[in-house]
Amino acid sequence: MSEQEKSVLEITCPCCGARLKVDAELGKVLYHAAPPKHGKAPDIDHAAQLLEKEKARREALFRQSAEETKVKSQLLERKFAEALKQTKDAPAEPPTRDIDLD
């Protein structure tokens, strides 16, 4: 084995499976072989199931949001009614003017 062959490393990428030949001294790629293609067809039924689950999740979130909005509007109405009762019974005070703050 020559010294040049010793400095060449053959590496397989753990992510994609591509084969690389790297010169250890220079730290550069000498050769790149693309990863093998997977001949497996996409699973349409599985994808359809995932889409249905996602649709159901979105619908549930929308229903929950609509219910929270309904409760929020009822809460605001009750708070307004309570504040109106409080101010109705309290005597009216003259508004504070800027000059009064000095």
PDB file of N, CA and C in Angstrom:
ATOM      1  N   MET A   1       0.844  -1.161   0.000  1.00  0.00           N
ATOM      2  CA  MET A   1       0.000   0.000   0.000  1.00  0.00           C
ATOM      3  C   MET A   1       0.895   1.231   0.000  1.00  0.00           C
ATOM      4  N   SER A   2       0.586   2.151  -0.882  1.00  0.00           N
ATOM      5  CA  SER A   2       1.398   3.362  -0.957  1.00  0.00           C
ATOM      6  C   SER A   2       0.981   4.329   0.155  1.00  0.00           C
ATOM      7  N   GLU A   3       1.822   5.310   0.383  1.00  0.00           N
ATOM      8  CA  GLU A   3       1.544   6.273   1.432  1.00  0.00           C
ATOM      9  C   GLU A   3       0.343   7.144   1.081  1.00  0.00           C
ATOM     10  N   GLN A   4       0.136   7.371  -0.210  1.00  0.00           N
ATOM     11  CA  GLN A   4      -1.001   8.176  -0.636  1.00  0.00           C
ATOM     12  C   GLN A   4      -2.315   7.444  -0.340  1.00  0.00           C
ATOM     13  N   GLU A   5      -2.336   6.105  -0.523  1.00  0.00           N
ATOM     14  CA  GLU A   5      -3.534   5.323  -0.243  1.00  0.00           C
ATOM     15  C   GLU A   5      -3.832   5.293   1.254  1.00  0.00           C
ATOM     16  N   LYS A   6      -2.801   5.393   2.095  1.00  0.00           N
ATOM     17  CA  LYS A   6      -2.989   5.381   3.538  1.00  0.00           C
ATOM     18  C   LYS A   6      -3.676   6.660   4.018  1.00  0.00           C
ATOM     19  N   SER A   7      -3.455   7.758   3.311  1.00  0.00           N
ATOM     20  CA  SER A   7      -4.036   9.020   3.752  1.00  0.00           C
ATOM     21  C   SER A   7      -5.462   9.223   3.238  1.00  0.00           C
ATOM     22  N   VAL A   8      -5.979   8.268   2.453  1.00  0.00           N
ATOM     23  CA  VAL A   8      -7.342   8.366   1.932  1.00  0.00           C
ATOM     24  C   VAL A   8      -8.258   7.524   2.810  1.00  0.00           C
ATOM     25  N   LEU A   9      -9.299   8.171   3.334  1.00  0.00           N
ATOM     26  CA  LEU A   9     -10.265   7.487   4.181  1.00  0.00           C
ATOM     27  C   LEU A   9     -11.547   7.271   3.392  1.00  0.00           C
ATOM     28  N   GLU A  10     -12.111   6.087   3.501  1.00  0.00           N
ATOM     29  CA  GLU A  10     -13.391   5.807   2.863  1.00  0.00           C
ATOM     30  C   GLU A  10     -14.458   5.813   3.965  1.00  0.00           C
ATOM     31  N   ILE A  11     -15.430   6.709   3.829  1.00  0.00           N
ATOM     32  CA  ILE A  11     -16.425   6.944   4.872  1.00  0.00           C
ATOM     33  C   ILE A  11     -17.821   6.794   4.291  1.00  0.00           C
ATOM     34  N   THR A  12     -18.716   6.228   5.090  1.00  0.00           N
ATOM     35  CA  THR A  12     -20.130   6.165   4.725  1.00  0.00           C
ATOM     36  C   THR A  12     -20.885   7.121   5.639  1.00  0.00           C
ATOM     37  N   CYS A  13     -21.655   8.017   5.037  1.00  0.00           N
ATOM     38  CA  CYS A  13     -22.410   9.017   5.810  1.00  0.00           C
ATOM     39  C   CYS A  13     -23.493   8.311   6.625  1.00  0.00           C
ATOM     40  N   PRO A  14     -23.549   8.560   7.946  1.00  0.00           N
ATOM     41  CA  PRO A  14     -24.558   7.900   8.766  1.00  0.00           C
ATOM     42  C   PRO A  14     -25.976   8.431   8.509  1.00  0.00           C
ATOM     43  N   CYS A  15     -26.090   9.629   7.977  1.00  0.00           N
ATOM     44  CA  CYS A  15     -27.419  10.214   7.744  1.00  0.00           C
ATOM     45  C   CYS A  15     -28.058   9.698   6.456  1.00  0.00           C
ATOM     46  N   CYS A  16     -27.344   9.833   5.362  1.00  0.00           N
ATOM     47  CA  CYS A  16     -27.957   9.515   4.068  1.00  0.00           C
ATOM     48  C   CYS A  16     -27.400   8.255   3.416  1.00  0.00           C
ATOM     49  N   GLY A  17     -26.268   7.756   3.887  1.00  0.00           N
ATOM     50  CA  GLY A  17     -25.698   6.544   3.316  1.00  0.00           C
ATOM     51  C   GLY A  17     -24.772   6.790   2.141  1.00  0.00           C
ATOM     52  N   ALA A  18     -24.434   8.036   1.851  1.00  0.00           N
ATOM     53  CA  ALA A  18     -23.518   8.342   0.752  1.00  0.00           C
ATOM     54  C   ALA A  18     -22.108   7.879   1.115  1.00  0.00           C
ATOM     55  N   ARG A  19     -21.353   7.475   0.089  1.00  0.00           N
ATOM     56  CA  ARG A  19     -19.965   7.049   0.318  1.00  0.00           C
ATOM     57  C   ARG A  19     -19.042   8.183  -0.082  1.00  0.00           C
ATOM     58  N   LEU A  20     -18.060   8.463   0.787  1.00  0.00           N
ATOM     59  CA  LEU A  20     -17.104   9.539   0.553  1.00  0.00           C
ATOM     60  C   LEU A  20     -15.692   9.004   0.659  1.00  0.00           C
ATOM     61  N   LYS A  21     -14.808   9.528  -0.184  1.00  0.00           N
ATOM     62  CA  LYS A  21     -13.379   9.278  -0.042  1.00  0.00           C
ATOM     63  C   LYS A  21     -12.767  10.626   0.304  1.00  0.00           C
ATOM     64  N   VAL A  22     -12.093  10.662   1.470  1.00  0.00           N
ATOM     65  CA  VAL A  22     -11.553  11.916   1.991  1.00  0.00           C
ATOM     66  C   VAL A  22     -10.049  11.789   2.138  1.00  0.00           C
ATOM     67  N   ASP A  23      -9.320  12.811   1.672  1.00  0.00           N
ATOM     68  CA  ASP A  23      -7.872  12.872   1.863  1.00  0.00           C
ATOM     69  C   ASP A  23      -7.634  13.390   3.267  1.00  0.00           C
ATOM     70  N   ALA A  24      -7.020  12.562   4.119  1.00  0.00           N
ATOM     71  CA  ALA A  24      -6.824  12.901   5.528  1.00  0.00           C
ATOM     72  C   ALA A  24      -5.852  14.071   5.691  1.00  0.00           C
ATOM     73  N   GLU A  25      -4.843  14.147   4.851  1.00  0.00           N
ATOM     74  CA  GLU A  25      -3.854  15.223   4.972  1.00  0.00           C
ATOM     75  C   GLU A  25      -4.449  16.566   4.582  1.00  0.00           C
ATOM     76  N   LEU A  26      -5.180  16.593   3.478  1.00  0.00           N
ATOM     77  CA  LEU A  26      -5.751  17.846   2.991  1.00  0.00           C
ATOM     78  C   LEU A  26      -7.091  18.162   3.640  1.00  0.00           C
ATOM     79  N   GLY A  27      -7.780  17.129   4.125  1.00  0.00           N
ATOM     80  CA  GLY A  27      -9.096  17.339   4.714  1.00  0.00           C
ATOM     81  C   GLY A  27     -10.161  17.663   3.681  1.00  0.00           C
ATOM     82  N   LYS A  28      -9.984  17.171   2.477  1.00  0.00           N
ATOM     83  CA  LYS A  28     -10.913  17.455   1.385  1.00  0.00           C
ATOM     84  C   LYS A  28     -11.502  16.161   0.838  1.00  0.00           C
ATOM     85  N   VAL A  29     -12.706  16.270   0.281  1.00  0.00           N
ATOM     86  CA  VAL A  29     -13.380  15.123  -0.314  1.00  0.00           C
ATOM     87  C   VAL A  29     -12.807  14.892  -1.703  1.00  0.00           C
ATOM     88  N   LEU A  30     -12.371  13.654  -1.948  1.00  0.00           N
ATOM     89  CA  LEU A  30     -11.842  13.294  -3.258  1.00  0.00           C
ATOM     90  C   LEU A  30     -12.926  12.698  -4.154  1.00  0.00           C
ATOM     91  N   TYR A  31     -13.850  11.970  -3.563  1.00  0.00           N
ATOM     92  CA  TYR A  31     -14.883  11.274  -4.335  1.00  0.00           C
ATOM     93  C   TYR A  31     -16.161  11.205  -3.512  1.00  0.00           C
ATOM     94  N   HIS A  32     -17.275  11.376  -4.183  1.00  0.00           N
ATOM     95  CA  HIS A  32     -18.584  11.296  -3.529  1.00  0.00           C
ATOM     96  C   HIS A  32     -19.476  10.387  -4.364  1.00  0.00           C
ATOM     97  N   ALA A  33     -20.013   9.349  -3.741  1.00  0.00           N
ATOM     98  CA  ALA A  33     -20.979   8.462  -4.401  1.00  0.00           C
ATOM     99  C   ALA A  33     -22.325   8.694  -3.731  1.00  0.00           C
ATOM    100  N   ALA A  34     -23.316   9.035  -4.519  1.00  0.00           N
ATOM    101  CA  ALA A  34     -24.645   9.328  -3.992  1.00  0.00           C
ATOM    102  C   ALA A  34     -25.208   8.114  -3.267  1.00  0.00           C
ATOM    103  N   PRO A  35     -26.076   8.347  -2.278  1.00  0.00           N
ATOM    104  CA  PRO A  35     -26.672   7.226  -1.550  1.00  0.00           C
ATOM    105  C   PRO A  35     -27.596   6.424  -2.457  1.00  0.00           C
ATOM    106  N   PRO A  36     -27.760   5.153  -2.154  1.00  0.00           N
ATOM    107  CA  PRO A  36     -28.640   4.336  -2.988  1.00  0.00           C
ATOM    108  C   PRO A  36     -30.084   4.821  -2.868  1.00  0.00           C
ATOM    109  N   LYS A  37     -30.787   4.762  -3.997  1.00  0.00           N
ATOM    110  CA  LYS A  37     -32.187   5.180  -4.027  1.00  0.00           C
ATOM    111  C   LYS A  37     -33.048   4.084  -3.425  1.00  0.00           C
ATOM    112  N   HIS A  38     -34.036   4.500  -2.657  1.00  0.00           N
ATOM    113  CA  HIS A  38     -34.978   3.544  -2.088  1.00  0.00           C
ATOM    114  C   HIS A  38     -36.126   3.378  -3.071  1.00  0.00           C
ATOM    115  N   GLY A  39     -36.369   2.168  -3.485  1.00  0.00           N
ATOM    116  CA  GLY A  39     -37.408   1.895  -4.459  1.00  0.00           C
ATOM    117  C   GLY A  39     -38.782   1.744  -3.843  1.00  0.00           C
ATOM    118  N   LYS A  40     -38.897   2.020  -2.586  1.00  0.00           N
ATOM    119  CA  LYS A  40     -40.149   1.832  -1.883  1.00  0.00           C
ATOM    120  C   LYS A  40     -41.130   2.949  -2.252  1.00  0.00           C
ATOM    121  N   ALA A  41     -42.328   2.581  -2.655  1.00  0.00           N
ATOM    122  CA  ALA A  41     -43.359   3.553  -3.013  1.00  0.00           C
ATOM    123  C   ALA A  41     -43.960   4.144  -1.746  1.00  0.00           C
ATOM    124  N   PRO A  42     -44.425   5.380  -1.820  1.00  0.00           N
ATOM    125  CA  PRO A  42     -45.042   5.981  -0.638  1.00  0.00           C
ATOM    126  C   PRO A  42     -46.340   5.264  -0.277  1.00  0.00           C
ATOM    127  N   ASP A  43     -46.605   5.181   1.010  1.00  0.00           N
ATOM    128  CA  ASP A  43     -47.797   4.503   1.500  1.00  0.00           C
ATOM    129  C   ASP A  43     -48.950   5.509   1.546  1.00  0.00           C
ATOM    130  N   ILE A  44     -49.815   5.453   0.553  1.00  0.00           N
ATOM    131  CA  ILE A  44     -50.917   6.404   0.421  1.00  0.00           C
ATOM    132  C   ILE A  44     -51.934   6.228   1.550  1.00  0.00           C
ATOM    133  N   ASP A  45     -52.214   4.991   1.927  1.00  0.00           N
ATOM    134  CA  ASP A  45     -53.197   4.744   2.982  1.00  0.00           C
ATOM    135  C   ASP A  45     -52.736   5.332   4.313  1.00  0.00           C
ATOM    136  N   HIS A  46     -51.456   5.160   4.605  1.00  0.00           N
ATOM    137  CA  HIS A  46     -50.898   5.716   5.848  1.00  0.00           C
ATOM    138  C   HIS A  46     -50.969   7.241   5.819  1.00  0.00           C
ATOM    139  N   ALA A  47     -50.646   7.831   4.679  1.00  0.00           N
ATOM    140  CA  ALA A  47     -50.707   9.281   4.551  1.00  0.00           C
ATOM    141  C   ALA A  47     -52.144   9.775   4.722  1.00  0.00           C
ATOM    142  N   ALA A  48     -53.102   9.055   4.177  1.00  0.00           N
ATOM    143  CA  ALA A  48     -54.508   9.442   4.318  1.00  0.00           C
ATOM    144  C   ALA A  48     -54.941   9.365   5.783  1.00  0.00           C
ATOM    145  N   GLN A  49     -54.479   8.352   6.490  1.00  0.00           N
ATOM    146  CA  GLN A  49     -54.806   8.233   7.910  1.00  0.00           C
ATOM    147  C   GLN A  49     -54.214   9.405   8.700  1.00  0.00           C
ATOM    148  N   LEU A  50     -52.983   9.768   8.388  1.00  0.00           N
ATOM    149  CA  LEU A  50     -52.351  10.895   9.062  1.00  0.00           C
ATOM    150  C   LEU A  50     -53.115  12.192   8.801  1.00  0.00           C
ATOM    151  N   LEU A  51     -53.566  12.370   7.556  1.00  0.00           N
ATOM    152  CA  LEU A  51     -54.335  13.569   7.229  1.00  0.00           C
ATOM    153  C   LEU A  51     -55.662  13.598   7.971  1.00  0.00           C
ATOM    154  N   GLU A  52     -56.310  12.464   8.105  1.00  0.00           N
ATOM    155  CA  GLU A  52     -57.581  12.395   8.839  1.00  0.00           C
ATOM    156  C   GLU A  52     -57.371  12.716  10.321  1.00  0.00           C
ATOM    157  N   LYS A  53     -56.284  12.188  10.902  1.00  0.00           N
ATOM    158  CA  LYS A  53     -55.979  12.485  12.301  1.00  0.00           C
ATOM    159  C   LYS A  53     -55.715  13.972  12.485  1.00  0.00           C
ATOM    160  N   GLU A  54     -54.973  14.560  11.564  1.00  0.00           N
ATOM    161  CA  GLU A  54     -54.670  15.985  11.636  1.00  0.00           C
ATOM    162  C   GLU A  54     -55.948  16.817  11.483  1.00  0.00           C
ATOM    163  N   LYS A  55     -56.839  16.390  10.601  1.00  0.00           N
ATOM    164  CA  LYS A  55     -58.110  17.088  10.410  1.00  0.00           C
ATOM    165  C   LYS A  55     -58.934  17.035  11.699  1.00  0.00           C
ATOM    166  N   ALA A  56     -58.992  15.879  12.336  1.00  0.00           N
ATOM    167  CA  ALA A  56     -59.743  15.725  13.583  1.00  0.00           C
ATOM    168  C   ALA A  56     -59.131  16.593  14.681  1.00  0.00           C
ATOM    169  N   ARG A  57     -57.816  16.672  14.738  1.00  0.00           N
ATOM    170  CA  ARG A  57     -57.136  17.491  15.740  1.00  0.00           C
ATOM    171  C   ARG A  57     -57.447  18.969  15.526  1.00  0.00           C
ATOM    172  N   ARG A  58     -57.409  19.415  14.252  1.00  0.00           N
ATOM    173  CA  ARG A  58     -57.727  20.807  13.950  1.00  0.00           C
ATOM    174  C   ARG A  58     -59.164  21.139  14.324  1.00  0.00           C
ATOM    175  N   GLU A  59     -60.083  20.224  14.024  1.00  0.00           N
ATOM    176  CA  GLU A  59     -61.493  20.440  14.364  1.00  0.00           C
ATOM    177  C   GLU A  59     -61.681  20.551  15.882  1.00  0.00           C
ATOM    178  N   ALA A  60     -60.984  19.687  16.623  1.00  0.00           N
ATOM    179  CA  ALA A  60     -61.087  19.725  18.090  1.00  0.00           C
ATOM    180  C   ALA A  60     -60.545  21.047  18.625  1.00  0.00           C
ATOM    181  N   LEU A  61     -59.428  21.505  18.090  1.00  0.00           N
ATOM    182  CA  LEU A  61     -58.864  22.777  18.520  1.00  0.00           C
ATOM    183  C   LEU A  61     -59.801  23.935  18.186  1.00  0.00           C
ATOM    184  N   PHE A  62     -60.442  23.873  17.023  1.00  0.00           N
ATOM    185  CA  PHE A  62     -61.374  24.933  16.631  1.00  0.00           C
ATOM    186  C   PHE A  62     -62.585  24.951  17.559  1.00  0.00           C
ATOM    187  N   ARG A  63     -63.131  23.769  17.863  1.00  0.00           N
ATOM    188  CA  ARG A  63     -64.278  23.699  18.766  1.00  0.00           C
ATOM    189  C   ARG A  63     -63.925  24.244  20.145  1.00  0.00           C
ATOM    190  N   GLN A  64     -62.733  23.881  20.622  1.00  0.00           N
ATOM    191  CA  GLN A  64     -62.280  24.361  21.925  1.00  0.00           C
ATOM    192  C   GLN A  64     -62.121  25.878  21.908  1.00  0.00           C
ATOM    193  N   SER A  65     -61.565  26.411  20.841  1.00  0.00           N
ATOM    194  CA  SER A  65     -61.389  27.853  20.723  1.00  0.00           C
ATOM    195  C   SER A  65     -62.736  28.566  20.663  1.00  0.00           C
ATOM    196  N   ALA A  66     -63.692  28.011  19.932  1.00  0.00           N
ATOM    197  CA  ALA A  66     -65.023  28.609  19.840  1.00  0.00           C
ATOM    198  C   ALA A  66     -65.704  28.601  21.204  1.00  0.00           C
ATOM    199  N   GLU A  67     -65.561  27.517  21.946  1.00  0.00           N
ATOM    200  CA  GLU A  67     -66.161  27.425  23.278  1.00  0.00           C
ATOM    201  C   GLU A  67     -65.527  28.437  24.231  1.00  0.00           C
ATOM    202  N   GLU A  68     -64.207  28.577  24.167  1.00  0.00           N
ATOM    203  CA  GLU A  68     -63.519  29.556  25.006  1.00  0.00           C
ATOM    204  C   GLU A  68     -63.965  30.975  24.670  1.00  0.00           C
ATOM    205  N   THR A  69     -64.192  31.254  23.403  1.00  0.00           N
ATOM    206  CA  THR A  69     -64.660  32.575  22.987  1.00  0.00           C
ATOM    207  C   THR A  69     -66.063  32.839  23.528  1.00  0.00           C
ATOM    208  N   LYS A  70     -66.910  31.820  23.468  1.00  0.00           N
ATOM    209  CA  LYS A  70     -68.272  31.953  23.980  1.00  0.00           C
ATOM    210  C   LYS A  70     -68.245  32.227  25.487  1.00  0.00           C
ATOM    211  N   VAL A  71     -67.423  31.486  26.214  1.00  0.00           N
ATOM    212  CA  VAL A  71     -67.302  31.669  27.658  1.00  0.00           C
ATOM    213  C   VAL A  71     -66.717  33.051  27.960  1.00  0.00           C
ATOM    214  N   LYS A  72     -65.761  33.473  27.171  1.00  0.00           N
ATOM    215  CA  LYS A  72     -65.126  34.766  27.379  1.00  0.00           C
ATOM    216  C   LYS A  72     -66.137  35.897  27.204  1.00  0.00           C
ATOM    217  N   SER A  73     -66.982  35.806  26.178  1.00  0.00           N
ATOM    218  CA  SER A  73     -67.975  36.854  25.969  1.00  0.00           C
ATOM    219  C   SER A  73     -68.989  36.875  27.113  1.00  0.00           C
ATOM    220  N   GLN A  74     -69.377  35.699  27.606  1.00  0.00           N
ATOM    221  CA  GLN A  74     -70.289  35.651  28.750  1.00  0.00           C
ATOM    222  C   GLN A  74     -69.635  36.263  29.988  1.00  0.00           C
ATOM    223  N   LEU A  75     -68.374  35.975  30.212  1.00  0.00           N
ATOM    224  CA  LEU A  75     -67.644  36.528  31.347  1.00  0.00           C
ATOM    225  C   LEU A  75     -67.585  38.044  31.260  1.00  0.00           C
ATOM    226  N   LEU A  76     -67.298  38.577  30.068  1.00  0.00           N
ATOM    227  CA  LEU A  76     -67.232  40.021  29.899  1.00  0.00           C
ATOM    228  C   LEU A  76     -68.597  40.667  30.138  1.00  0.00           C
ATOM    229  N   GLU A  77     -69.666  40.015  29.677  1.00  0.00           N
ATOM    230  CA  GLU A  77     -71.013  40.543  29.912  1.00  0.00           C
ATOM    231  C   GLU A  77     -71.318  40.596  31.410  1.00  0.00           C
ATOM    232  N   ARG A  78     -70.959  39.556  32.134  1.00  0.00           N
ATOM    233  CA  ARG A  78     -71.208  39.517  33.581  1.00  0.00           C
ATOM    234  C   ARG A  78     -70.374  40.566  34.318  1.00  0.00           C
ATOM    235  N   LYS A  79     -69.119  40.717  33.915  1.00  0.00           N
ATOM    236  CA  LYS A  79     -68.274  41.736  34.534  1.00  0.00           C
ATOM    237  C   LYS A  79     -68.844  43.125  34.285  1.00  0.00           C
ATOM    238  N   PHE A  80     -69.333  43.361  33.052  1.00  0.00           N
ATOM    239  CA  PHE A  80     -69.910  44.654  32.726  1.00  0.00           C
ATOM    240  C   PHE A  80     -71.166  44.906  33.560  1.00  0.00           C
ATOM    241  N   ALA A  81     -72.013  43.898  33.688  1.00  0.00           N
ATOM    242  CA  ALA A  81     -73.243  44.045  34.478  1.00  0.00           C
ATOM    243  C   ALA A  81     -72.908  44.346  35.941  1.00  0.00           C
ATOM    244  N   GLU A  82     -71.903  43.658  36.482  1.00  0.00           N
ATOM    245  CA  GLU A  82     -71.503  43.888  37.871  1.00  0.00           C
ATOM    246  C   GLU A  82     -70.941  45.295  38.046  1.00  0.00           C
ATOM    247  N   ALA A  83     -70.108  45.743  37.119  1.00  0.00           N
ATOM    248  CA  ALA A  83     -69.536  47.090  37.195  1.00  0.00           C
ATOM    249  C   ALA A  83     -70.640  48.138  37.072  1.00  0.00           C
ATOM    250  N   LEU A  84     -71.643  47.872  36.235  1.00  0.00           N
ATOM    251  CA  LEU A  84     -72.761  48.792  36.076  1.00  0.00           C
ATOM    252  C   LEU A  84     -73.559  48.905  37.369  1.00  0.00           C
ATOM    253  N   LYS A  85     -73.771  47.761  38.052  1.00  0.00           N
ATOM    254  CA  LYS A  85     -74.468  47.776  39.344  1.00  0.00           C
ATOM    255  C   LYS A  85     -73.691  48.604  40.360  1.00  0.00           C
ATOM    256  N   GLN A  86     -72.381  48.402  40.408  1.00  0.00           N
ATOM    257  CA  GLN A  86     -71.539  49.113  41.376  1.00  0.00           C
ATOM    258  C   GLN A  86     -71.579  50.617  41.136  1.00  0.00           C
ATOM    259  N   THR A  87     -71.502  51.038  39.918  1.00  0.00           N
ATOM    260  CA  THR A  87     -71.484  52.469  39.617  1.00  0.00           C
ATOM    261  C   THR A  87     -72.866  53.092  39.740  1.00  0.00           C
ATOM    262  N   LYS A  88     -73.894  52.285  39.557  1.00  0.00           N
ATOM    263  CA  LYS A  88     -75.255  52.791  39.670  1.00  0.00           C
ATOM    264  C   LYS A  88     -75.540  53.193  41.113  1.00  0.00           C
ATOM    265  N   ASP A  89     -75.065  52.416  42.081  1.00  0.00           N
ATOM    266  CA  ASP A  89     -75.299  52.674  43.491  1.00  0.00           C
ATOM    267  C   ASP A  89     -74.366  53.741  44.065  1.00  0.00           C
ATOM    268  N   ALA A  90     -73.182  53.902  43.484  1.00  0.00           N
ATOM    269  CA  ALA A  90     -72.201  54.853  44.015  1.00  0.00           C
ATOM    270  C   ALA A  90     -72.569  56.268  43.579  1.00  0.00           C
ATOM    271  N   PRO A  91     -72.297  57.251  44.434  1.00  0.00           N
ATOM    272  CA  PRO A  91     -72.581  58.638  44.039  1.00  0.00           C
ATOM    273  C   PRO A  91     -71.594  59.104  42.977  1.00  0.00           C
ATOM    274  N   ALA A  92     -72.046  59.967  42.114  1.00  0.00           N
ATOM    275  CA  ALA A  92     -71.196  60.490  41.039  1.00  0.00           C
ATOM    276  C   ALA A  92     -70.221  61.509  41.606  1.00  0.00           C
ATOM    277  N   GLU A  93     -68.977  61.364  41.304  1.00  0.00           N
ATOM    278  CA  GLU A  93     -67.947  62.294  41.743  1.00  0.00           C
ATOM    279  C   GLU A  93     -67.512  63.130  40.557  1.00  0.00           C
ATOM    280  N   PRO A  94     -67.131  64.349  40.800  1.00  0.00           N
ATOM    281  CA  PRO A  94     -66.653  65.160  39.673  1.00  0.00           C
ATOM    282  C   PRO A  94     -65.335  64.584  39.149  1.00  0.00           C
ATOM    283  N   PRO A  95     -65.109  64.661  37.850  1.00  0.00           N
ATOM    284  CA  PRO A  95     -63.870  64.105  37.296  1.00  0.00           C
ATOM    285  C   PRO A  95     -62.643  64.862  37.797  1.00  0.00           C
ATOM    286  N   THR A  96     -61.533  64.174  37.915  1.00  0.00           N
ATOM    287  CA  THR A  96     -60.286  64.778  38.352  1.00  0.00           C
ATOM    288  C   THR A  96     -59.670  65.510  37.166  1.00  0.00           C
ATOM    289  N   ARG A  97     -59.313  66.780  37.409  1.00  0.00           N
ATOM    290  CA  ARG A  97     -58.686  67.582  36.348  1.00  0.00           C
ATOM    291  C   ARG A  97     -57.178  67.537  36.518  1.00  0.00           C
ATOM    292  N   ASP A  98     -56.472  67.827  35.477  1.00  0.00           N
ATOM    293  CA  ASP A  98     -55.004  67.832  35.538  1.00  0.00           C
ATOM    294  C   ASP A  98     -54.494  68.861  36.546  1.00  0.00           C
ATOM    295  N   ILE A  99     -55.162  69.956  36.644  1.00  0.00           N
ATOM    296  CA  ILE A  99     -54.731  71.016  37.556  1.00  0.00           C
ATOM    297  C   ILE A  99     -54.874  70.589  39.013  1.00  0.00           C
ATOM    298  N   ASP A 100     -55.832  69.684  39.288  1.00  0.00           N
ATOM    299  CA  ASP A 100     -56.040  69.206  40.654  1.00  0.00           C
ATOM    300  C   ASP A 100     -54.916  68.280  41.115  1.00  0.00           C
ATOM    301  N   LEU A 101     -54.153  67.723  40.214  1.00  0.00           N
ATOM    302  CA  LEU A 101     -53.100  66.769  40.561  1.00  0.00           C
ATOM    303  C   LEU A 101     -51.858  67.469  41.116  1.00  0.00           C
ATOM    304  N   ASP A 102     -51.700  68.776  40.927  1.00  0.00           N
ATOM    305  CA  ASP A 102     -50.510  69.494  41.407  1.00  0.00           C
ATOM    306  C   ASP A 102     -50.484  69.637  42.883  1.00  0.00           C
TER     307      ASP A 102
END
